[in-house]
Each structure stands twice: as C-alpha cells, then as structure tokens.
All heavy atoms as atom14 arrays in JSON, in Angstrom:
{
  "sequence": "WNLHLEQVIGKATNALWISKKTFGKKWGLKPK",
  "atom14_mask": [
    [1, 1, 1, 1, 1, 1, 1, 1, 1, 1, 1, 1, 1, 1],
    [1, 1, 1, 1, 1, 1, 1, 1, 0, 0, 0, 0, 0, 0],
    [1, 1, 1, 1, 1, 1, 1, 1, 0, 0, 0, 0, 0, 0],
    [1, 1, 1, 1, 1, 1, 1, 1, 1, 1, 0, 0, 0, 0],
    [1, 1, 1, 1, 1, 1, 1, 1, 0, 0, 0, 0, 0, 0],
    [1, 1, 1, 1, 1, 1, 1, 1, 1, 0, 0, 0, 0, 0],
    [1, 1, 1, 1, 1, 1, 1, 1, 1, 0, 0, 0, 0, 0],
    [1, 1, 1, 1, 1, 1, 1, 0, 0, 0, 0, 0, 0, 0],
    [1, 1, 1, 1, 1, 1, 1, 1, 0, 0, 0, 0, 0, 0],
    [1, 1, 1, 1, 0, 0, 0, 0, 0, 0, 0, 0, 0, 0],
    [1, 1, 1, 1, 1, 1, 1, 1, 1, 0, 0, 0, 0, 0],
    [1, 1, 1, 1, 1, 0, 0, 0, 0, 0, 0, 0, 0, 0],
    [1, 1, 1, 1, 1, 1, 1, 0, 0, 0, 0, 0, 0, 0],
    [1, 1, 1, 1, 1, 1, 1, 1, 0, 0, 0, 0, 0, 0],
    [1, 1, 1, 1, 1, 0, 0, 0, 0, 0, 0, 0, 0, 0],
    [1, 1, 1, 1, 1, 1, 1, 1, 0, 0, 0, 0, 0, 0],
    [1, 1, 1, 1, 1, 1, 1, 1, 1, 1, 1, 1, 1, 1],
    [1, 1, 1, 1, 1, 1, 1, 1, 0, 0, 0, 0, 0, 0],
    [1, 1, 1, 1, 1, 1, 0, 0, 0, 0, 0, 0, 0, 0],
    [1, 1, 1, 1, 1, 1, 1, 1, 1, 0, 0, 0, 0, 0],
    [1, 1, 1, 1, 1, 1, 1, 1, 1, 0, 0, 0, 0, 0],
    [1, 1, 1, 1, 1, 1, 1, 0, 0, 0, 0, 0, 0, 0],
    [1, 1, 1, 1, 1, 1, 1, 1, 1, 1, 1, 0, 0, 0],
    [1, 1, 1, 1, 0, 0, 0, 0, 0, 0, 0, 0, 0, 0],
    [1, 1, 1, 1, 1, 1, 1, 1, 1, 0, 0, 0, 0, 0],
    [1, 1, 1, 1, 1, 1, 1, 1, 1, 0, 0, 0, 0, 0],
    [1, 1, 1, 1, 1, 1, 1, 1, 1, 1, 1, 1, 1, 1],
    [1, 1, 1, 1, 0, 0, 0, 0, 0, 0, 0, 0, 0, 0],
    [1, 1, 1, 1, 1, 1, 1, 1, 0, 0, 0, 0, 0, 0],
    [1, 1, 1, 1, 1, 1, 1, 1, 1, 0, 0, 0, 0, 0],
    [1, 1, 1, 1, 1, 1, 1, 0, 0, 0, 0, 0, 0, 0],
    [1, 1, 1, 1, 1, 1, 1, 1, 1, 0, 0, 0, 0, 0]
  ],
  "atom14_positions": [
    [[32.2, 12.81, 64.77], [30.92, 12.84, 64.03], [30.55, 14.17, 63.45], [29.4, 14.36, 63.01], [29.8, 12.28, 64.93], [30.01, 10.99, 65.52], [30.33, 10.74, 66.84], [30.14, 9.76, 64.84], [30.56, 9.37, 66.99], [30.49, 8.73, 65.8], [30.05, 9.31, 63.47], [30.67, 7.39, 65.51], [30.26, 8.02, 63.21], [30.51, 7.06, 64.18]],
    [[31.54, 15.03, 63.38], [31.26, 16.35, 62.71], [30.93, 16.26, 61.26], [29.9, 16.81, 60.77], [32.38, 17.35, 62.93], [32.45, 17.83, 64.38], [31.5, 17.88, 65.04], [33.66, 18.15, 64.88], [0.0, 0.0, 0.0], [0.0, 0.0, 0.0], [0.0, 0.0, 0.0], [0.0, 0.0, 0.0], [0.0, 0.0, 0.0], [0.0, 0.0, 0.0]],
    [[31.73, 15.45, 60.57], [31.6, 15.3, 59.2], [30.25, 14.57, 58.84], [29.52, 15.0, 57.96], [32.75, 14.47, 58.62], [32.67, 14.1, 57.08], [32.62, 15.39, 56.19], [33.82, 13.23, 56.63], [0.0, 0.0, 0.0], [0.0, 0.0, 0.0], [0.0, 0.0, 0.0], [0.0, 0.0, 0.0], [0.0, 0.0, 0.0], [0.0, 0.0, 0.0]],
    [[29.96, 13.51, 59.59], [28.7, 12.78, 59.35], [27.48, 13.71, 59.55], [26.55, 13.62, 58.77], [28.69, 11.52, 60.3], [27.44, 10.7, 60.08], [27.25, 9.86, 59.06], [26.27, 10.63, 60.83], [26.1, 9.24, 59.11], [25.51, 9.69, 60.23], [0.0, 0.0, 0.0], [0.0, 0.0, 0.0], [0.0, 0.0, 0.0], [0.0, 0.0, 0.0]],
    [[27.53, 14.39, 60.6], [26.38, 15.35, 60.88], [26.17, 16.32, 59.8], [25.06, 16.58, 59.33], [26.59, 16.07, 62.22], [25.42, 17.02, 62.69], [24.2, 16.16, 62.94], [25.83, 17.79, 63.95], [0.0, 0.0, 0.0], [0.0, 0.0, 0.0], [0.0, 0.0, 0.0], [0.0, 0.0, 0.0], [0.0, 0.0, 0.0], [0.0, 0.0, 0.0]],
    [[27.21, 16.92, 59.3], [27.1, 17.92, 58.23], [26.63, 17.24, 56.94], [25.82, 17.81, 56.17], [28.45, 18.54, 57.98], [28.89, 19.57, 59.12], [30.18, 20.25, 58.77], [30.69, 20.03, 57.65], [30.68, 20.94, 59.64], [0.0, 0.0, 0.0], [0.0, 0.0, 0.0], [0.0, 0.0, 0.0], [0.0, 0.0, 0.0], [0.0, 0.0, 0.0]],
    [[27.1, 15.96, 56.64], [26.68, 15.3, 55.46], [25.15, 14.95, 55.46], [24.51, 15.17, 54.52], [27.56, 14.09, 55.29], [28.98, 14.3, 54.96], [29.24, 14.83, 53.52], [28.37, 14.61, 52.66], [30.21, 15.68, 53.36], [0.0, 0.0, 0.0], [0.0, 0.0, 0.0], [0.0, 0.0, 0.0], [0.0, 0.0, 0.0], [0.0, 0.0, 0.0]],
    [[24.7, 14.36, 56.6], [23.32, 13.97, 56.67], [22.46, 15.19, 56.67], [21.28, 15.11, 55.98], [23.08, 13.1, 57.84], [23.8, 11.8, 57.8], [23.38, 13.79, 59.19], [0.0, 0.0, 0.0], [0.0, 0.0, 0.0], [0.0, 0.0, 0.0], [0.0, 0.0, 0.0], [0.0, 0.0, 0.0], [0.0, 0.0, 0.0], [0.0, 0.0, 0.0]],
    [[22.77, 16.21, 57.31], [21.89, 17.51, 57.34], [21.97, 18.07, 55.95], [20.91, 18.54, 55.41], [22.41, 18.5, 58.32], [22.19, 18.03, 59.76], [21.8, 19.91, 58.16], [22.65, 18.88, 60.87], [0.0, 0.0, 0.0], [0.0, 0.0, 0.0], [0.0, 0.0, 0.0], [0.0, 0.0, 0.0], [0.0, 0.0, 0.0], [0.0, 0.0, 0.0]],
    [[23.08, 18.03, 55.25], [23.18, 18.57, 53.91], [22.24, 17.74, 52.96], [21.48, 18.31, 52.17], [0.0, 0.0, 0.0], [0.0, 0.0, 0.0], [0.0, 0.0, 0.0], [0.0, 0.0, 0.0], [0.0, 0.0, 0.0], [0.0, 0.0, 0.0], [0.0, 0.0, 0.0], [0.0, 0.0, 0.0], [0.0, 0.0, 0.0], [0.0, 0.0, 0.0]],
    [[22.28, 16.43, 53.01], [21.42, 15.57, 52.18], [19.97, 15.79, 52.53], [19.13, 15.87, 51.6], [21.75, 14.1, 52.37], [23.13, 13.69, 51.78], [23.36, 12.23, 51.88], [24.6, 11.83, 51.22], [24.92, 10.36, 51.35], [0.0, 0.0, 0.0], [0.0, 0.0, 0.0], [0.0, 0.0, 0.0], [0.0, 0.0, 0.0], [0.0, 0.0, 0.0]],
    [[19.62, 15.87, 53.82], [18.25, 16.06, 54.16], [17.74, 17.43, 53.7], [16.63, 17.59, 53.23], [18.06, 15.93, 55.65], [0.0, 0.0, 0.0], [0.0, 0.0, 0.0], [0.0, 0.0, 0.0], [0.0, 0.0, 0.0], [0.0, 0.0, 0.0], [0.0, 0.0, 0.0], [0.0, 0.0, 0.0], [0.0, 0.0, 0.0], [0.0, 0.0, 0.0]],
    [[18.63, 18.47, 53.86], [18.19, 19.8, 53.39], [18.0, 19.8, 51.9], [17.05, 20.45, 51.33], [19.25, 20.87, 53.82], [19.46, 20.81, 55.18], [18.84, 22.27, 53.37], [0.0, 0.0, 0.0], [0.0, 0.0, 0.0], [0.0, 0.0, 0.0], [0.0, 0.0, 0.0], [0.0, 0.0, 0.0], [0.0, 0.0, 0.0], [0.0, 0.0, 0.0]],
    [[18.84, 19.19, 51.13], [18.69, 19.07, 49.62], [17.48, 18.41, 49.28], [16.75, 18.82, 48.34], [19.96, 18.33, 49.06], [21.27, 19.18, 49.12], [21.14, 20.38, 49.27], [22.33, 18.5, 49.02], [0.0, 0.0, 0.0], [0.0, 0.0, 0.0], [0.0, 0.0, 0.0], [0.0, 0.0, 0.0], [0.0, 0.0, 0.0], [0.0, 0.0, 0.0]],
    [[17.11, 17.29, 49.99], [15.87, 16.57, 49.75], [14.67, 17.5, 49.99], [13.66, 17.5, 49.11], [15.75, 15.35, 50.6], [0.0, 0.0, 0.0], [0.0, 0.0, 0.0], [0.0, 0.0, 0.0], [0.0, 0.0, 0.0], [0.0, 0.0, 0.0], [0.0, 0.0, 0.0], [0.0, 0.0, 0.0], [0.0, 0.0, 0.0], [0.0, 0.0, 0.0]],
    [[14.74, 18.28, 51.01], [13.61, 19.22, 51.32], [13.53, 20.32, 50.28], [12.41, 20.67, 49.87], [13.86, 19.83, 52.7], [12.63, 20.51, 53.3], [11.45, 19.65, 53.41], [12.97, 21.08, 54.7], [0.0, 0.0, 0.0], [0.0, 0.0, 0.0], [0.0, 0.0, 0.0], [0.0, 0.0, 0.0], [0.0, 0.0, 0.0], [0.0, 0.0, 0.0]],
    [[14.67, 20.85, 49.78], [14.62, 21.9, 48.77], [14.14, 21.39, 47.42], [13.54, 22.11, 46.7], [16.0, 22.55, 48.64], [16.34, 23.57, 49.7], [17.12, 23.48, 50.7], [15.61, 24.92, 49.78], [17.05, 24.68, 51.47], [16.14, 25.53, 50.93], [14.68, 25.52, 49.01], [15.78, 26.82, 51.36], [14.3, 26.8, 49.42], [14.86, 27.43, 50.55]],
    [[14.53, 20.11, 47.16], [13.97, 19.52, 45.9], [12.5, 19.39, 45.98], [11.81, 19.66, 45.02], [14.66, 18.11, 45.7], [16.14, 18.34, 45.31], [13.94, 17.4, 44.62], [16.96, 17.03, 45.24], [0.0, 0.0, 0.0], [0.0, 0.0, 0.0], [0.0, 0.0, 0.0], [0.0, 0.0, 0.0], [0.0, 0.0, 0.0], [0.0, 0.0, 0.0]],
    [[11.97, 19.02, 47.19], [10.52, 18.85, 47.29], [9.89, 20.26, 47.21], [8.74, 20.3, 46.85], [10.23, 18.24, 48.67], [10.76, 16.99, 48.74], [0.0, 0.0, 0.0], [0.0, 0.0, 0.0], [0.0, 0.0, 0.0], [0.0, 0.0, 0.0], [0.0, 0.0, 0.0], [0.0, 0.0, 0.0], [0.0, 0.0, 0.0], [0.0, 0.0, 0.0]],
    [[10.66, 21.27, 47.56], [10.06, 22.61, 47.59], [9.65, 23.11, 46.2], [8.87, 24.13, 46.16], [11.08, 23.57, 48.29], [10.4, 24.69, 49.18], [11.48, 25.34, 50.04], [10.99, 26.62, 50.58], [9.58, 26.63, 51.01], [0.0, 0.0, 0.0], [0.0, 0.0, 0.0], [0.0, 0.0, 0.0], [0.0, 0.0, 0.0], [0.0, 0.0, 0.0]],
    [[10.06, 22.48, 45.2], [9.64, 22.88, 43.89], [8.18, 22.59, 43.69], [7.61, 23.09, 42.66], [10.47, 22.08, 42.79], [11.97, 22.43, 42.84], [12.7, 21.6, 41.77], [14.24, 22.02, 41.75], [14.94, 21.24, 40.83], [0.0, 0.0, 0.0], [0.0, 0.0, 0.0], [0.0, 0.0, 0.0], [0.0, 0.0, 0.0], [0.0, 0.0, 0.0]],
    [[7.62, 21.74, 44.53], [6.2, 21.35, 44.3], [5.23, 22.19, 45.22], [4.05, 21.96, 45.19], [5.98, 19.9, 44.71], [6.38, 19.64, 46.07], [6.87, 18.97, 43.82], [0.0, 0.0, 0.0], [0.0, 0.0, 0.0], [0.0, 0.0, 0.0], [0.0, 0.0, 0.0], [0.0, 0.0, 0.0], [0.0, 0.0, 0.0], [0.0, 0.0, 0.0]],
    [[5.79, 23.13, 45.98], [4.94, 23.97, 46.82], [5.57, 25.27, 47.12], [6.84, 25.42, 47.11], [4.56, 23.23, 48.1], [5.71, 22.86, 48.9], [6.21, 23.81, 49.88], [6.24, 21.57, 48.96], [7.32, 23.41, 50.69], [7.29, 21.21, 49.69], [7.83, 22.13, 50.57], [0.0, 0.0, 0.0], [0.0, 0.0, 0.0], [0.0, 0.0, 0.0]],
    [[4.81, 26.24, 47.44], [5.31, 27.6, 47.86], [4.55, 27.94, 49.16], [3.97, 27.12, 49.81], [0.0, 0.0, 0.0], [0.0, 0.0, 0.0], [0.0, 0.0, 0.0], [0.0, 0.0, 0.0], [0.0, 0.0, 0.0], [0.0, 0.0, 0.0], [0.0, 0.0, 0.0], [0.0, 0.0, 0.0], [0.0, 0.0, 0.0], [0.0, 0.0, 0.0]],
    [[4.62, 29.2, 49.47], [4.05, 29.68, 50.77], [2.52, 29.59, 50.64], [1.82, 29.35, 51.67], [4.54, 31.07, 51.08], [4.18, 31.5, 52.48], [4.93, 32.8, 52.83], [4.68, 33.19, 54.34], [5.35, 34.38, 54.77], [0.0, 0.0, 0.0], [0.0, 0.0, 0.0], [0.0, 0.0, 0.0], [0.0, 0.0, 0.0], [0.0, 0.0, 0.0]],
    [[1.97, 29.89, 49.49], [0.53, 29.95, 49.4], [-0.02, 28.95, 48.35], [-1.2, 29.0, 48.09], [0.05, 31.39, 49.0], [0.55, 32.46, 49.93], [-0.19, 32.48, 51.27], [0.25, 33.69, 52.08], [-0.47, 33.65, 53.4], [0.0, 0.0, 0.0], [0.0, 0.0, 0.0], [0.0, 0.0, 0.0], [0.0, 0.0, 0.0], [0.0, 0.0, 0.0]],
    [[0.83, 28.15, 47.73], [0.36, 27.28, 46.68], [1.07, 25.94, 46.77], [2.0, 25.78, 47.54], [0.65, 27.92, 45.32], [2.12, 28.17, 45.05], [2.72, 29.33, 45.37], [3.09, 27.3, 44.5], [4.06, 29.23, 45.1], [4.29, 28.01, 44.51], [2.98, 25.99, 44.0], [5.51, 27.46, 44.08], [4.23, 25.41, 43.59], [5.44, 26.09, 43.51]],
    [[0.56, 25.02, 45.96], [1.27, 23.74, 45.81], [0.67, 22.58, 46.68], [-0.57, 22.61, 46.96], [0.0, 0.0, 0.0], [0.0, 0.0, 0.0], [0.0, 0.0, 0.0], [0.0, 0.0, 0.0], [0.0, 0.0, 0.0], [0.0, 0.0, 0.0], [0.0, 0.0, 0.0], [0.0, 0.0, 0.0], [0.0, 0.0, 0.0], [0.0, 0.0, 0.0]],
    [[1.47, 21.62, 47.04], [1.02, 20.49, 47.8], [0.3, 20.95, 49.05], [0.6, 21.92, 49.68], [2.18, 19.6, 48.12], [2.89, 18.91, 46.94], [4.04, 18.05, 47.42], [1.9, 17.96, 46.24], [0.0, 0.0, 0.0], [0.0, 0.0, 0.0], [0.0, 0.0, 0.0], [0.0, 0.0, 0.0], [0.0, 0.0, 0.0], [0.0, 0.0, 0.0]],
    [[-0.64, 20.14, 49.55], [-1.32, 20.39, 50.79], [-0.38, 20.17, 51.92], [0.63, 19.38, 51.9], [-2.53, 19.47, 50.95], [-3.64, 19.69, 49.99], [-4.82, 18.78, 50.17], [-5.95, 19.0, 49.16], [-7.13, 18.11, 49.39], [0.0, 0.0, 0.0], [0.0, 0.0, 0.0], [0.0, 0.0, 0.0], [0.0, 0.0, 0.0], [0.0, 0.0, 0.0]],
    [[-0.62, 20.92, 53.04], [0.28, 20.8, 54.25], [0.45, 19.37, 54.69], [1.54, 18.95, 55.14], [-0.41, 21.68, 55.3], [-1.16, 22.68, 54.46], [-1.65, 22.0, 53.23], [0.0, 0.0, 0.0], [0.0, 0.0, 0.0], [0.0, 0.0, 0.0], [0.0, 0.0, 0.0], [0.0, 0.0, 0.0], [0.0, 0.0, 0.0], [0.0, 0.0, 0.0]],
    [[-0.67, 18.6, 54.66], [-0.61, 17.19, 55.09], [0.39, 16.43, 54.3], [1.11, 15.58, 54.8], [-2.04, 16.58, 54.93], [-2.08, 15.18, 55.48], [-3.51, 14.67, 55.35], [-3.66, 13.26, 55.96], [-5.04, 12.75, 55.86], [0.0, 0.0, 0.0], [0.0, 0.0, 0.0], [0.0, 0.0, 0.0], [0.0, 0.0, 0.0], [0.0, 0.0, 0.0]]
  ]
}
C-alpha cells in the first residue's frame, strides 16, 4: 500500500493547495 498512500496523500494535498488560492494567513475565507 505504499503507492496507494502516496497517491491519496498527493491528491489530498493538491486539493488543499488549490483551495489555498482562496485564503492566506491573514485574509480570505473564514476559518470555519
């Protein structure tokens, strides 16, 4: 399951980084 773990973590990280375009450390979407 090494390959599967790397693939799902990579996809989840990419999804989080794509969402990160909508917020920064002090601006953007609300924490909630």
